[in-house]
């Protein structure tokens, strides 16, 4: 009797026309990826420099909300790995969010182009490759670049995130929090930058200084620093990122008519030179999802998988409060069905408290040309479980499109470390034409909702109205003007500017008609973002 007729191919002896038997160590690794339920196919096992296509390396679909890390040196294939995972998630009906830093993420919407390299890779890993495009929406921060504009109101963005964007120190960050607290209490909506600037200007004016004393711990000098930072930030053309209509993160959770998950691509090439801004905006999207989504526990598949590219920018020069909020958000958002993948060059770019929560790892090649590189390599090796490989040697010898993988099994236990030759994406590995991208954007049902900016009455207008024709910039230096009453009246104490605004009939009518949280203090999340009603 032929053993090849009665035994699985993985253990069969080599025979003409059949796959070679797996070495014992490789067989043990392969068995760790033999999942029974739905899973994403990453590629085939590499052992001793040989690709073993019968030993497939996979990620269980339910474990994608246990977060992950995709790391590796520049040019090793991280972007294509994101594309590969995003395609399969979409095919399984899971919406995906991608931050496209380099501008080539738009290709996921178009079928790939077959060529010899793609066909060779497909043969190596036993992939049935078929050119396929996936449903996609394209967004742009503030409408800068190709995409549907994504904006946030200052109120909802919150003091913690805005402090990072403005590069404030810890004392200034705490002071900005007091300013937000004051505006929340007084019903002064901070929709855009001029609203916040108007409130700070008012608080540093002769009229507003008594109010400043009442909110505790905010010095005139610190308020002045914040005002100058806001003015400089606005002068750099940043005003368009804040305002209305504000983006509703529920739009990231949609599926297409054929049941596939929509891939939301945030186009960032136009703001590459503003890393603090776009990385913080990504965190706002995640924080907004966190406090809006209900608890779902362990679901059969994620509700959304969020890829956080250039993650090191998020953590660079971050305050302790900011880092604590990231850690807590990542820890808790899993139970709401959202998976987060951080994408960066080395694991040391991610704080250890966050790294400890990332259950799935795809580590591309690292370089060891300098002492710092060698130190980073050794640190990376220590973050992996015990392995049958010499990881220090392996990680410097991986080719493009190859990676070291370990994920969580269906039972939540780490799988064996597996060197993997990754599959080829089936969508276009490059950008689509700008004209085609613009056509997709304009055809989107979301374009009409977000394309045109709206500037309704908010803190700036209310403070201006209460001061008559005088603008907020004048309030900083000019004392309050004394005017004679139109008719003789009994003398009484003049109400403060804010009291005039909040007590006006116009304000009360506006609060009722908008159905917002004006007129009472806004409840804020762990990230300082405003909790909205959907």
Protein backbone atom coordinates (compact mmCIF):
# COMPACT_ATOMS: atom_id res chain seq x y z
CA UNK A 1 0.00 0.00 0.00
CA UNK A 2 1.28 3.46 -0.87
CA UNK A 3 1.67 5.73 2.13
CA UNK A 4 0.84 8.68 -0.09
CA UNK A 5 -2.69 7.30 -0.49
CA UNK A 6 -3.41 7.07 3.24
CA UNK A 7 -1.49 9.91 4.84
CA UNK A 8 -1.86 13.73 4.57
CA UNK A 9 0.53 15.33 2.06
CA UNK A 10 2.39 17.07 4.89
CA UNK A 11 3.69 13.76 6.23
CA UNK A 12 3.98 11.76 3.02
CA UNK A 13 7.39 10.59 1.77
CA UNK A 14 8.59 12.23 -1.39
CA UNK A 15 7.38 10.50 -4.55
CA UNK A 16 7.34 11.38 -8.23
CA UNK A 17 4.74 14.10 -8.83
CA UNK A 18 4.05 14.71 -5.13
CA UNK A 19 5.16 17.43 -2.69
CA UNK A 20 8.24 16.71 -0.56
CA UNK A 21 7.68 15.70 3.04
CA UNK A 22 7.92 18.46 5.62
CA UNK A 23 10.83 18.34 8.06
CA UNK A 24 9.70 17.61 11.61
CA UNK A 25 10.28 21.18 12.83
CA UNK A 26 8.41 22.63 9.86
CA UNK A 27 5.55 20.18 10.35
CA UNK A 28 5.19 21.30 13.96
CA UNK A 29 5.04 24.94 12.86
CA UNK A 30 2.54 24.19 10.09
CA UNK A 31 0.23 22.36 12.48
CA UNK A 32 -0.08 25.58 14.51
CA UNK A 33 -1.78 27.25 11.53
CA UNK A 34 -4.25 24.48 10.63
CA UNK A 35 -7.36 26.39 11.66
CA UNK A 36 -10.83 24.93 11.22
CA UNK A 37 -12.78 28.20 10.93
CA UNK A 38 -12.57 31.12 8.48
CA UNK A 39 -9.12 32.63 8.17
CA UNK A 40 -7.02 34.95 6.03
CA UNK A 41 -4.29 33.33 3.94
CA UNK A 42 -0.95 35.10 4.34
CA UNK A 43 1.34 32.76 2.43
CA UNK A 44 3.46 29.63 2.63
CA UNK A 45 6.02 28.52 5.22
CA UNK A 46 9.72 29.09 4.60
CA UNK A 47 12.09 26.55 6.12
CA UNK A 48 15.84 26.37 5.58
CA UNK A 49 15.52 28.76 2.64
CA UNK A 50 12.87 26.64 0.89
CA UNK A 51 9.23 27.60 0.37
CA UNK A 52 6.84 24.82 1.43
CA UNK A 53 3.51 25.62 -0.29
CA UNK A 54 1.61 22.79 1.45
CA UNK A 55 2.25 24.50 4.79
CA UNK A 56 -0.03 27.54 4.68
CA UNK A 57 0.31 30.39 7.19
CA UNK A 58 -3.02 31.98 8.12
CA UNK A 59 -4.78 34.32 10.60
CA UNK A 60 -8.14 33.26 12.09
CA UNK A 61 -10.77 35.83 11.12
CA UNK A 62 -12.19 36.22 14.67
CA UNK A 63 -8.70 37.07 15.97
CA UNK A 64 -8.32 40.16 13.77
CA UNK A 65 -9.85 42.29 16.52
CA UNK A 66 -6.97 41.29 18.84
CA UNK A 67 -4.85 43.94 17.12
CA UNK A 68 -1.55 43.56 15.37
CA UNK A 69 1.75 44.95 14.20
CA UNK A 70 3.21 45.08 10.70
CA UNK A 71 6.85 46.14 10.89
CA UNK A 72 9.95 46.18 8.73
CA UNK A 73 12.54 48.37 7.07
CA UNK A 74 11.66 50.61 4.15
CA UNK A 75 11.16 48.69 0.92
CA UNK A 76 10.53 45.28 2.50
CA UNK A 77 6.85 45.04 1.50
CA UNK A 78 4.82 46.39 4.45
CA UNK A 79 2.40 48.28 2.19
CA UNK A 80 1.71 45.19 0.08
CA UNK A 81 1.08 43.18 3.26
CA UNK A 82 -1.54 45.74 4.30
CA UNK A 83 -3.09 45.48 0.86
CA UNK A 84 -3.15 41.68 1.02
CA UNK A 85 -4.84 41.63 4.43
CA UNK A 86 -7.28 44.43 3.50
CA UNK A 87 -8.38 42.57 0.35
CA UNK A 88 -9.20 39.40 2.22
CA UNK A 89 -11.00 41.25 4.99
CA UNK A 90 -13.14 43.03 2.40
CA UNK A 91 -13.89 39.72 0.70
CA UNK A 92 -15.05 38.36 4.08
CA UNK A 93 -17.44 41.29 4.54
CA UNK A 94 -15.27 43.25 6.99
CA UNK A 95 -14.88 47.03 6.44
CA UNK A 96 -11.29 48.30 6.48
CA UNK A 97 -9.66 51.67 7.11
CA UNK A 98 -6.27 52.40 5.53
CA UNK A 99 -4.13 55.51 5.94
CA UNK A 100 -2.34 55.98 2.60
CA UNK A 101 0.82 57.94 3.31
CA UNK A 102 2.66 57.31 0.04
CA UNK A 103 -0.30 57.62 -2.32
CA UNK A 104 -0.36 54.10 -3.77
CA UNK A 105 -3.26 52.75 -1.69
CA UNK A 106 -5.84 53.76 -4.29
CA UNK A 107 -4.85 50.71 -6.35
CA UNK A 108 -6.96 48.49 -4.09
CA UNK A 109 -10.02 49.67 -6.03
CA UNK A 110 -8.71 48.37 -9.38
CA UNK A 111 -7.87 44.83 -10.60
CA UNK A 112 -4.18 43.96 -10.49
CA UNK A 113 -2.03 43.48 -13.56
CA UNK A 114 -0.69 39.96 -14.12
CA UNK A 115 3.03 39.72 -14.80
CA UNK A 116 5.80 37.20 -14.43
CA UNK A 117 6.67 38.21 -10.85
CA UNK A 118 3.05 37.88 -9.72
CA UNK A 119 2.64 34.53 -11.45
CA UNK A 120 5.91 33.24 -9.98
CA UNK A 121 4.86 34.27 -6.48
CA UNK A 122 1.44 32.63 -6.95
CA UNK A 123 3.11 29.38 -8.03
CA UNK A 124 5.52 29.47 -5.09
CA UNK A 125 2.76 29.70 -2.49
CA UNK A 126 -0.01 27.74 -4.30
CA UNK A 127 -2.17 30.86 -4.70
CA UNK A 128 -5.04 30.90 -7.19
CA UNK A 129 -4.42 34.49 -8.19
CA UNK A 130 -7.16 36.43 -9.98
CA UNK A 131 -7.07 40.15 -10.77
CA UNK A 132 -9.72 41.77 -8.54
CA UNK A 133 -10.68 45.28 -7.49
CA UNK A 134 -12.39 45.95 -4.18
CA UNK A 135 -15.06 48.50 -3.17
CA UNK A 136 -13.35 51.62 -1.86
CA UNK A 137 -14.03 55.15 -0.64
CA UNK A 138 -11.35 57.83 -0.69
CA UNK A 139 -11.00 60.60 1.87
CA UNK A 140 -8.73 63.62 2.33
CA UNK A 141 -8.09 65.60 5.52
CA UNK A 142 -9.84 68.94 5.17
CA UNK A 143 -10.34 68.22 1.49
CA UNK A 144 -6.64 68.76 0.78
CA UNK A 145 -5.81 66.26 -1.95
CA UNK A 146 -7.99 63.74 -3.73
CA UNK A 147 -10.86 62.56 -1.58
CA UNK A 148 -14.04 63.33 0.33
CA UNK A 149 -13.19 65.99 2.96
CA UNK A 150 -12.73 64.74 6.51
CA UNK A 151 -13.21 67.41 9.15
CA UNK A 152 -13.62 67.47 12.91
CA UNK A 153 -15.02 70.21 15.11
CA UNK A 154 -12.65 71.62 17.70
CA UNK A 155 -15.12 70.66 20.45
CA UNK A 156 -15.20 67.02 19.40
CA UNK A 157 -11.46 66.85 18.68
CA UNK A 158 -10.80 67.77 22.29
CA UNK A 159 -7.91 69.40 24.19
CA UNK A 160 -5.65 66.34 24.46
CA UNK A 161 -5.41 65.69 20.73
CA UNK A 162 -5.28 69.37 19.84
CA UNK A 163 -2.40 69.90 22.28
CA UNK A 164 -0.36 67.34 20.38
CA UNK A 165 -1.15 69.00 17.06
CA UNK A 166 -0.15 72.40 18.49
CA UNK A 167 2.95 70.86 20.12
CA UNK A 168 2.08 72.25 23.54
CA UNK A 169 3.95 71.21 26.66
CA UNK A 170 2.27 69.50 29.61
CA UNK A 171 1.41 72.73 31.43
CA UNK A 172 -0.03 74.28 28.28
CA UNK A 173 -1.96 71.07 27.56
CA UNK A 174 -3.59 71.22 30.99
CA UNK A 175 -4.39 74.90 30.49
CA UNK A 176 -6.01 74.19 27.13
CA UNK A 177 -8.12 71.59 28.91
CA UNK A 178 -9.36 74.31 31.27
CA UNK A 179 -10.29 76.51 28.30
CA UNK A 180 -12.31 73.66 26.78
CA UNK A 181 -13.95 73.06 30.15
CA UNK A 182 -14.92 76.73 30.33
CA UNK A 183 -16.36 76.73 26.79
CA UNK A 184 -18.25 73.49 27.48
CA UNK A 185 -19.82 74.95 30.63
CA UNK A 186 -20.78 78.24 29.01
CA UNK A 187 -22.30 76.69 25.90
CA UNK A 188 -19.72 78.24 23.57
CA UNK A 189 -19.42 75.78 20.72
CA UNK A 190 -15.90 75.41 19.34
CA UNK A 191 -16.54 74.42 15.74
CA UNK A 192 -13.39 75.71 14.07
CA UNK A 193 -10.09 77.36 14.92
CA UNK A 194 -11.49 80.89 14.94
CA UNK A 195 -13.96 79.84 17.64
CA UNK A 196 -11.21 78.65 19.95
CA UNK A 197 -9.09 81.68 19.15
CA UNK A 198 -12.06 83.93 19.97
CA UNK A 199 -12.59 82.27 23.37
CA UNK A 200 -8.88 82.50 24.29
CA UNK A 201 -8.79 86.12 23.10
CA UNK A 202 -11.84 86.91 25.21
CA UNK A 203 -10.33 85.29 28.30
CA UNK A 204 -7.16 87.36 27.93
CA UNK A 205 -9.06 90.62 27.35
CA UNK A 206 -9.89 93.12 30.08
CA UNK A 207 -13.51 91.96 29.96
CA UNK A 208 -12.66 88.28 30.21
CA UNK A 209 -9.88 88.34 32.81
CA UNK A 210 -12.32 87.91 35.71
CA UNK A 211 -13.64 84.79 33.97
CA UNK A 212 -10.07 83.58 33.57
CA UNK A 213 -9.51 83.79 37.33
CA UNK A 214 -12.60 81.72 38.00
CA UNK A 215 -11.56 78.66 35.96
CA UNK A 216 -8.49 78.03 38.08
CA UNK A 217 -4.84 77.54 37.30
CA UNK A 218 -4.78 79.32 33.93
CA UNK A 219 -2.32 82.18 33.74
CA UNK A 220 -2.58 85.03 31.28
CA UNK A 221 0.91 84.19 30.00
CA UNK A 222 0.00 80.58 29.24
CA UNK A 223 -3.22 81.64 27.55
CA UNK A 224 -1.13 84.00 25.43
CA UNK A 225 1.19 81.15 24.39
CA UNK A 226 -1.81 79.05 23.36
CA UNK A 227 -3.22 81.97 21.40
CA UNK A 228 0.06 82.46 19.55
CA UNK A 229 0.24 78.74 18.78
CA UNK A 230 -3.28 78.83 17.37
CA UNK A 231 -2.51 81.87 15.25
CA UNK A 232 0.66 80.30 13.85
CA UNK A 233 -1.15 77.02 13.21
CA UNK A 234 -3.91 78.83 11.33
CA UNK A 235 -1.36 80.84 9.33
CA UNK A 236 0.08 77.55 8.03
CA UNK A 237 -3.20 76.82 6.27
CA UNK A 238 -4.51 74.34 8.85
CA UNK A 239 -7.93 75.92 9.34
CA UNK A 240 -9.61 73.66 6.78
CA UNK A 241 -9.09 70.54 8.90
CA UNK A 242 -11.52 71.76 11.54
CA UNK A 243 -15.14 72.64 10.96
CA UNK A 244 -18.41 71.26 9.69
CA UNK A 245 -19.89 69.10 8.40
CA UNK A 246 -17.97 66.87 10.77
CA UNK A 247 -17.11 63.39 9.55
CA UNK A 248 -19.26 60.63 11.00
CA UNK A 249 -17.02 57.63 11.71
CA UNK A 250 -20.04 55.34 11.28
CA UNK A 251 -19.42 55.81 7.54
CA UNK A 252 -16.29 53.68 7.94
CA UNK A 253 -18.41 50.66 8.92
CA UNK A 254 -20.27 50.17 5.65
CA UNK A 255 -20.43 47.20 3.29
CA UNK A 256 -21.04 47.21 -0.46
CA UNK A 257 -24.18 45.89 -2.14
CA UNK A 258 -22.43 42.58 -2.85
CA UNK A 259 -21.65 42.08 0.86
CA UNK A 260 -17.95 42.93 0.66
CA UNK A 261 -16.53 45.34 3.20
CA UNK A 262 -15.77 48.83 1.92
CA UNK A 263 -12.11 49.81 2.13
CA UNK A 264 -11.87 53.43 3.33
CA UNK A 265 -8.60 54.96 2.12
CA UNK A 266 -7.46 58.22 3.70
CA UNK A 267 -5.26 59.90 1.09
CA UNK A 268 -2.41 61.66 2.91
CA UNK A 269 0.29 62.54 0.32
CA UNK A 270 -0.80 66.20 0.33
CA UNK A 271 -0.14 66.46 4.09
CA UNK A 272 2.98 64.30 4.33
CA UNK A 273 4.85 67.27 5.76
CA UNK A 274 2.39 67.54 8.67
CA UNK A 275 2.92 64.22 10.47
CA UNK A 276 1.74 65.41 13.90
CA UNK A 277 -1.53 66.55 12.34
CA UNK A 278 -2.46 63.47 10.33
CA UNK A 279 -1.31 60.96 12.94
CA UNK A 280 -3.38 62.74 15.60
CA UNK A 281 -6.37 62.89 13.25
CA UNK A 282 -6.13 59.12 12.87
CA UNK A 283 -6.26 58.80 16.64
CA UNK A 284 -9.35 61.04 16.71
CA UNK A 285 -11.09 58.69 14.27
CA UNK A 286 -10.22 55.73 16.49
CA UNK A 287 -11.28 57.53 19.68
CA UNK A 288 -14.57 58.55 18.09
CA UNK A 289 -15.25 54.95 17.11
CA UNK A 290 -14.38 53.83 20.62
CA UNK A 291 -16.97 55.91 22.44
CA UNK A 292 -19.69 55.49 19.79
CA UNK A 293 -19.69 51.73 19.27
CA UNK A 294 -21.54 49.31 21.56
CA UNK A 295 -19.88 46.37 23.29
CA UNK A 296 -20.03 43.18 21.20
CA UNK A 297 -17.65 40.83 23.00
CA UNK A 298 -16.07 38.05 20.96
CA UNK A 299 -17.67 38.24 17.51
CA UNK A 300 -17.31 35.83 14.58
CA UNK A 301 -15.51 38.56 12.67
CA UNK A 302 -14.43 42.16 13.34
CA UNK A 303 -16.77 45.06 12.66
CA UNK A 304 -13.81 47.08 11.35
CA UNK A 305 -10.05 46.70 11.03
CA UNK A 306 -8.10 49.94 11.31
CA UNK A 307 -4.56 50.16 9.89
CA UNK A 308 -2.48 52.88 11.55
CA UNK A 309 0.42 53.56 9.15
CA UNK A 310 3.58 55.40 10.24
CA UNK A 311 2.60 54.65 13.83
CA UNK A 312 5.86 56.02 15.26
CA UNK A 313 4.62 59.53 14.42
CA UNK A 314 1.73 59.09 16.82
CA UNK A 315 3.97 58.29 19.77
CA UNK A 316 6.75 60.78 19.03
CA UNK A 317 6.93 63.53 21.69
CA UNK A 318 3.57 62.42 23.11
CA UNK A 319 2.68 63.42 26.65
CA UNK A 320 2.07 60.81 29.33
CA UNK A 321 -1.64 61.62 29.32
CA UNK A 322 -1.74 61.09 25.56
CA UNK A 323 0.10 57.76 25.77
CA UNK A 324 -2.12 56.58 28.61
CA UNK A 325 -5.20 57.37 26.52
CA UNK A 326 -3.83 55.45 23.52
CA UNK A 327 -3.10 52.45 25.71
CA UNK A 328 -6.56 52.46 27.25
CA UNK A 329 -8.31 52.95 23.91
CA UNK A 330 -6.44 50.05 22.29
CA UNK A 331 -7.10 47.84 25.31
CA UNK A 332 -10.85 48.50 25.36
CA UNK A 333 -11.81 48.92 21.71
CA UNK A 334 -11.27 45.20 21.05
CA UNK A 335 -14.50 44.40 22.87
CA UNK A 336 -16.31 46.71 20.45
CA UNK A 337 -15.27 44.62 17.48
CA UNK A 338 -12.52 46.89 16.13
CA UNK A 339 -9.06 45.57 15.34
CA UNK A 340 -6.11 47.98 15.17
CA UNK A 341 -2.90 47.25 13.28
CA UNK A 342 0.06 49.54 13.87
CA UNK A 343 2.45 49.82 10.93
CA UNK A 344 6.00 51.01 11.53
CA UNK A 345 9.64 50.09 11.05
CA UNK A 346 10.53 48.37 14.32
CA UNK A 347 8.52 47.20 17.35
CA UNK A 348 10.48 49.61 19.54
CA UNK A 349 8.57 52.45 17.83
CA UNK A 350 5.49 51.32 19.78
CA UNK A 351 5.39 51.78 23.58
CA UNK A 352 5.65 48.49 25.48
CA UNK A 353 2.21 48.88 27.09
CA UNK A 354 0.65 49.09 23.61
CA UNK A 355 2.91 46.45 22.08
CA UNK A 356 1.87 43.96 24.76
CA UNK A 357 -1.72 44.15 23.47
CA UNK A 358 -0.89 43.30 19.84
CA UNK A 359 -1.67 39.62 19.31
CA UNK A 360 -0.78 39.34 15.60
CA UNK A 361 2.68 40.08 14.23
CA UNK A 362 4.00 40.33 10.67
CA UNK A 363 7.66 41.31 10.84
CA UNK A 364 9.42 42.06 7.56
CA UNK A 365 13.19 42.28 7.17
CA UNK A 366 15.31 44.57 9.32
CA UNK A 367 18.67 46.09 8.47
CA UNK A 368 21.70 45.95 10.76
CA UNK A 369 24.14 48.38 9.16
CA UNK A 370 24.78 50.55 12.21
CA UNK A 371 25.11 49.96 15.97
CA UNK A 372 21.63 51.43 16.43
CA UNK A 373 20.27 49.03 13.81
CA UNK A 374 21.89 46.09 15.57
CA UNK A 375 20.44 47.19 18.89
CA UNK A 376 16.96 47.48 17.34
CA UNK A 377 17.36 44.01 15.79
CA UNK A 378 18.21 42.40 19.12
CA UNK A 379 15.31 44.20 20.79
CA UNK A 380 12.93 42.96 18.08
CA UNK A 381 14.05 39.35 18.48
CA UNK A 382 13.29 39.54 22.21
CA UNK A 383 9.67 40.49 21.47
CA UNK A 384 8.99 37.13 19.77
CA UNK A 385 8.18 33.87 21.56
CA UNK A 386 10.74 31.04 21.53
CA UNK A 387 11.38 29.93 17.97
CA UNK A 388 12.94 27.11 15.97
CA UNK A 389 14.63 29.78 13.84
CA UNK A 390 17.72 31.86 14.45
CA UNK A 391 15.64 35.02 14.28
CA UNK A 392 18.55 37.43 14.42
CA UNK A 393 19.98 35.90 11.27
CA UNK A 394 16.61 35.29 9.63
CA UNK A 395 15.31 38.85 10.02
CA UNK A 396 18.30 40.31 8.19
CA UNK A 397 18.05 37.79 5.36
CA UNK A 398 14.35 37.95 4.43
CA UNK A 399 13.56 39.02 0.87
CA UNK A 400 10.94 41.52 -0.24
CA UNK A 401 7.49 40.10 0.38
CA UNK A 402 8.74 37.72 3.07
CA UNK A 403 8.10 38.07 6.79
CA UNK A 404 8.23 36.39 10.18
CA UNK A 405 4.69 35.74 11.41
CA UNK A 406 3.07 34.81 14.70
CA UNK A 407 -0.67 35.24 15.34
CA UNK A 408 -3.29 34.18 17.83
CA UNK A 409 -4.88 30.81 17.24
CA UNK A 410 -8.65 30.25 17.38
CA UNK A 411 -8.20 29.54 21.10
CA UNK A 412 -6.31 32.79 21.65
CA UNK A 413 -2.87 31.20 22.11
CA UNK A 414 0.19 32.41 20.15
CA UNK A 415 1.05 30.31 17.11
CA UNK A 416 4.62 29.13 16.43
CA UNK A 417 6.88 31.69 14.77
CA UNK A 418 6.73 31.08 11.02
CA UNK A 419 8.98 32.53 8.32
CA UNK A 420 6.54 33.15 5.47
CA UNK A 421 6.61 33.93 1.76
CA UNK A 422 3.58 36.16 1.43
CA UNK A 423 0.91 35.99 -1.23
CA UNK A 424 0.60 38.62 -3.95
CA UNK A 425 -2.24 41.16 -3.69
CA UNK A 426 -4.93 40.71 -6.34
CA UNK A 427 -5.64 44.42 -6.73
CA UNK A 428 -3.42 46.96 -8.45
CA UNK A 429 -0.05 47.33 -6.71
CA UNK A 430 0.22 51.05 -7.36
CA UNK A 431 -1.98 54.15 -7.59
CA UNK A 432 -4.85 54.59 -10.02
CA UNK A 433 -4.88 57.68 -12.24
CA UNK A 434 -5.83 60.94 -10.45
CA UNK A 435 -8.69 61.53 -12.89
CA UNK A 436 -10.10 58.07 -12.16
CA UNK A 437 -9.71 58.71 -8.43
CA UNK A 438 -11.61 62.00 -8.70
CA UNK A 439 -14.41 60.25 -10.60
CA UNK A 440 -14.76 57.67 -7.81
CA UNK A 441 -14.87 60.45 -5.21
CA UNK A 442 -17.52 62.50 -7.01
CA UNK A 443 -19.66 59.40 -7.64
CA UNK A 444 -19.69 58.53 -3.92
CA UNK A 445 -22.99 59.01 -2.08
CA UNK A 446 -20.95 60.66 0.70
CA UNK A 447 -19.54 63.41 -1.51
CA UNK A 448 -22.64 65.58 -1.34
CA UNK A 449 -22.77 65.26 2.43
CA UNK A 450 -19.20 66.36 3.18
CA UNK A 451 -17.88 68.26 0.15
CA UNK A 452 -19.12 71.74 1.02
CA UNK A 453 -17.88 73.32 4.27
CA UNK A 454 -20.50 74.99 6.48
CA UNK A 455 -19.79 77.92 8.80
CA UNK A 456 -22.75 78.29 11.14
CA UNK A 457 -23.02 80.43 14.23
CA UNK A 458 -20.75 79.30 17.04
CA UNK A 459 -18.47 80.80 19.71
CA UNK A 460 -16.80 83.31 17.38
CA UNK A 461 -20.09 84.79 16.17
CA UNK A 462 -21.69 84.78 19.62
CA UNK A 463 -18.78 86.57 21.26
CA UNK A 464 -18.67 89.06 18.39
CA UNK A 465 -22.40 89.67 18.62
CA UNK A 466 -22.15 90.30 22.34
CA UNK A 467 -19.43 92.88 21.71
CA UNK A 468 -21.30 94.69 18.95
CA UNK A 469 -19.15 95.45 15.94
CA UNK A 470 -15.90 94.87 17.80
CA UNK A 471 -13.99 91.73 16.71
CA UNK A 472 -12.22 89.25 18.99
CA UNK A 473 -8.80 90.54 18.03
CA UNK A 474 -9.77 93.96 19.33
CA UNK A 475 -10.95 92.45 22.61
CA UNK A 476 -7.41 91.41 23.42
CA UNK A 477 -6.12 94.95 23.80
CA UNK A 478 -9.04 97.35 23.90
CA UNK A 479 -10.86 98.03 27.19
CA UNK A 480 -14.63 97.63 27.19
CA UNK A 481 -16.28 100.63 25.62
CA UNK A 482 -18.67 102.59 27.87
CA UNK A 483 -21.83 103.72 26.15
CA UNK A 484 -24.66 105.82 27.50
CA UNK A 485 -27.98 104.05 27.95
CA UNK A 486 -30.65 104.81 25.38
CA UNK A 487 -33.20 105.56 28.10
CA UNK A 488 -32.86 106.30 31.79
CA UNK A 489 -32.94 103.07 33.80
CA UNK A 490 -32.38 102.15 37.38
CA UNK A 491 -28.68 101.35 37.87
CA UNK A 492 -27.86 97.66 38.01
CA UNK A 493 -24.80 95.45 37.69
CA UNK A 494 -23.85 94.83 34.07
CA UNK A 495 -23.81 91.08 33.19
CA UNK A 496 -20.63 89.57 31.81
CA UNK A 497 -20.23 89.02 28.08
CA UNK A 498 -20.73 85.29 28.37
CA UNK A 499 -23.81 85.77 30.56
CA UNK A 500 -25.26 88.04 27.89
CA UNK A 501 -24.64 85.40 25.22
CA UNK A 502 -25.94 82.42 27.17
CA UNK A 503 -28.95 84.31 28.45
CA UNK A 504 -30.04 85.66 25.08
CA UNK A 505 -33.23 84.41 23.41
CA UNK A 506 -31.27 83.80 20.23
CA UNK A 507 -28.92 81.45 22.08
CA UNK A 508 -31.75 79.48 23.71
CA UNK A 509 -33.58 79.16 20.40
CA UNK A 510 -30.43 77.99 18.68
CA UNK A 511 -29.78 75.39 21.38
CA UNK A 512 -33.27 73.97 21.00
CA UNK A 513 -33.23 73.94 17.20
CA UNK A 514 -29.84 72.29 16.87
CA UNK A 515 -30.60 69.56 19.38
CA UNK A 516 -26.99 69.61 20.49
CA UNK A 517 -25.39 69.65 23.90
CA UNK A 518 -25.19 73.46 24.04
CA UNK A 519 -26.21 74.89 27.37
CA UNK A 520 -24.78 72.11 29.49
CA UNK A 521 -21.30 70.79 30.01
CA UNK A 522 -20.14 68.33 27.38
CA UNK A 523 -19.25 64.83 28.53
CA UNK A 524 -15.81 63.82 27.29
CA UNK A 525 -14.19 60.46 26.65
CA UNK A 526 -10.91 59.15 28.04
CA UNK A 527 -9.24 60.90 25.10
CA UNK A 528 -10.89 64.23 25.84
CA UNK A 529 -13.03 63.97 22.71
CA UNK A 530 -16.67 64.99 23.01
CA UNK A 531 -19.24 62.23 23.27
CA UNK A 532 -21.83 62.86 20.60
CA UNK A 533 -25.32 61.53 20.08
CA UNK A 534 -25.83 59.62 16.86
